C-alpha atoms as a PDB file:
ATOM      1  CA  MET A   1       0.217   0.189  -0.094  1.00  0.00           C
ATOM      2  CA  ALA A   2       0.961   3.517  -0.587  1.00  0.00           C
ATOM      3  CA  THR A   3       1.391   5.877   2.142  1.00  0.00           C
ATOM      4  CA  SER A   4       2.177   8.466   1.211  1.00  0.00           C
ATOM      5  CA  LEU A   5       0.083  11.737  -0.845  1.00  0.00           C
ATOM      6  CA  ASP A   6       2.950  11.260  -3.576  1.00  0.00           C
ATOM      7  CA  THR A   7       3.199   7.364  -3.961  1.00  0.00           C
ATOM      8  CA  ARG A   8       0.326   6.522  -4.054  1.00  0.00           C
ATOM      9  CA  TYR A   9      -0.365  10.288  -7.064  1.00  0.00           C
ATOM     10  CA  VAL A  10       2.472   8.053  -8.713  1.00  0.00           C
ATOM     11  CA  ALA A  11       1.294   4.287  -8.710  1.00  0.00           C
ATOM     12  CA  GLU A  12      -2.862   5.796  -9.666  1.00  0.00           C
ATOM     13  CA  ILE A  13      -0.548   6.443 -12.735  1.00  0.00           C
ATOM     14  CA  GLU A  14       1.256   3.916 -13.326  1.00  0.00           C
ATOM     15  CA  ARG A  15      -2.181   1.888 -13.138  1.00  0.00           C
ATOM     16  CA  GLN A  16      -3.985   4.152 -15.283  1.00  0.00           C
ATOM     17  CA  ALA A  17      -1.079   3.926 -18.056  1.00  0.00           C
ATOM     18  CA  TYR A  18      -1.923  -0.489 -17.753  1.00  0.00           C
ATOM     19  CA  LEU A  19      -5.008  -0.244 -17.704  1.00  0.00           C
ATOM     20  CA  ASP A  20      -4.632   1.633 -20.779  1.00  0.00           C
ATOM     21  CA  THR A  21      -2.602   0.103 -22.918  1.00  0.00           C
ATOM     22  CA  TYR A  22      -3.723  -2.893 -21.579  1.00  0.00           C
ATOM     23  CA  ALA A  23      -7.011  -2.171 -23.124  1.00  0.00           C
ATOM     24  CA  ASP A  24      -5.758  -0.359 -26.198  1.00  0.00           C
ATOM     25  CA  SER A  25      -3.782  -4.158 -27.117  1.00  0.00           C
ATOM     26  CA  LEU A  26      -6.645  -5.863 -26.454  1.00  0.00           C
ATOM     27  CA  ASP A  27      -8.283  -4.247 -29.139  1.00  0.00           C
ATOM     28  CA  LEU A  28      -5.881  -4.910 -31.585  1.00  0.00           C
ATOM     29  CA  TRP A  29      -5.534  -8.550 -30.688  1.00  0.00           C
ATOM     30  CA  GLN A  30      -9.811  -8.574 -30.586  1.00  0.00           C
ATOM     31  CA  GLN A  31      -8.954  -6.758 -34.331  1.00  0.00           C
ATOM     32  CA  GLY A  32      -6.589  -9.849 -35.381  1.00  0.00           C
ATOM     33  CA  ASP A  33      -3.171  -8.636 -34.559  1.00  0.00           C
ATOM     34  CA  HIS A  34      -1.466 -11.166 -32.614  1.00  0.00           C
ATOM     35  CA  ALA A  35       1.847  -9.955 -33.263  1.00  0.00           C
ATOM     36  CA  VAL A  36       0.174  -7.242 -30.364  1.00  0.00           C
ATOM     37  CA  ILE A  37       2.927  -7.109 -27.208  1.00  0.00           C
ATOM     38  CA  PHE A  38       1.062  -6.791 -24.263  1.00  0.00           C
ATOM     39  CA  PRO A  39       2.365  -4.750 -21.062  1.00  0.00           C
ATOM     40  CA  PHE A  40       4.090  -6.562 -18.521  1.00  0.00           C
ATOM     41  CA  GLY A  41       1.512  -7.628 -15.891  1.00  0.00           C
ATOM     42  CA  THR A  42      -0.239  -9.110 -18.403  1.00  0.00           C
ATOM     43  CA  TRP A  43      -0.438 -13.002 -17.622  1.00  0.00           C
ATOM     44  CA  ASN A  44      -3.587 -14.166 -18.411  1.00  0.00           C
ATOM     45  CA  VAL A  45      -3.717 -14.207 -22.059  1.00  0.00           C
ATOM     46  CA  VAL A  46      -0.439 -16.002 -22.828  1.00  0.00           C
ATOM     47  CA  PRO A  47      -0.815 -19.505 -21.046  1.00  0.00           C
ATOM     48  CA  HIS A  48      -4.383 -19.458 -22.748  1.00  0.00           C
ATOM     49  CA  HIS A  49      -3.566 -17.690 -26.000  1.00  0.00           C
ATOM     50  CA  ALA A  50       0.683 -17.684 -26.787  1.00  0.00           C
ATOM     51  CA  ALA A  51       0.112 -13.238 -26.332  1.00  0.00           C
ATOM     52  CA  VAL A  52       3.442 -11.698 -26.461  1.00  0.00           C
ATOM     53  CA  VAL A  53       4.234  -9.591 -23.192  1.00  0.00           C
ATOM     54  CA  ALA A  54       6.664  -6.737 -22.661  1.00  0.00           C
ATOM     55  CA  VAL A  55       9.634  -7.000 -20.749  1.00  0.00           C
ATOM     56  CA  PRO A  56      10.311  -5.750 -16.900  1.00  0.00           C
ATOM     57  CA  PRO A  57      10.612  -2.323 -16.444  1.00  0.00           C
ATOM     58  CA  PRO A  58      14.039  -1.585 -15.043  1.00  0.00           C
ATOM     59  CA  ASN A  59      13.212  -1.351 -11.598  1.00  0.00           C
ATOM     60  CA  PHE A  60      11.149  -4.427 -11.515  1.00  0.00           C
ATOM     61  CA  CYS A  61      12.322  -6.366  -8.175  1.00  0.00           C
ATOM     62  CA  ARG A  62       9.580  -9.272  -7.118  1.00  0.00           C
END
């Protein structure tokens, strides 16, 4: 959980960017473009539809 207002703000911007990118990728996929790259963090379309997912961002850690 984000504890400061700044951290929450950045997290919400990143979340919205992910959702926007995912929606764009899904739209292209449904139109038949199966070479589209889904944003990192998209997991369900990989095993079920053999979709391609972007590499993790440089600051990603588990």
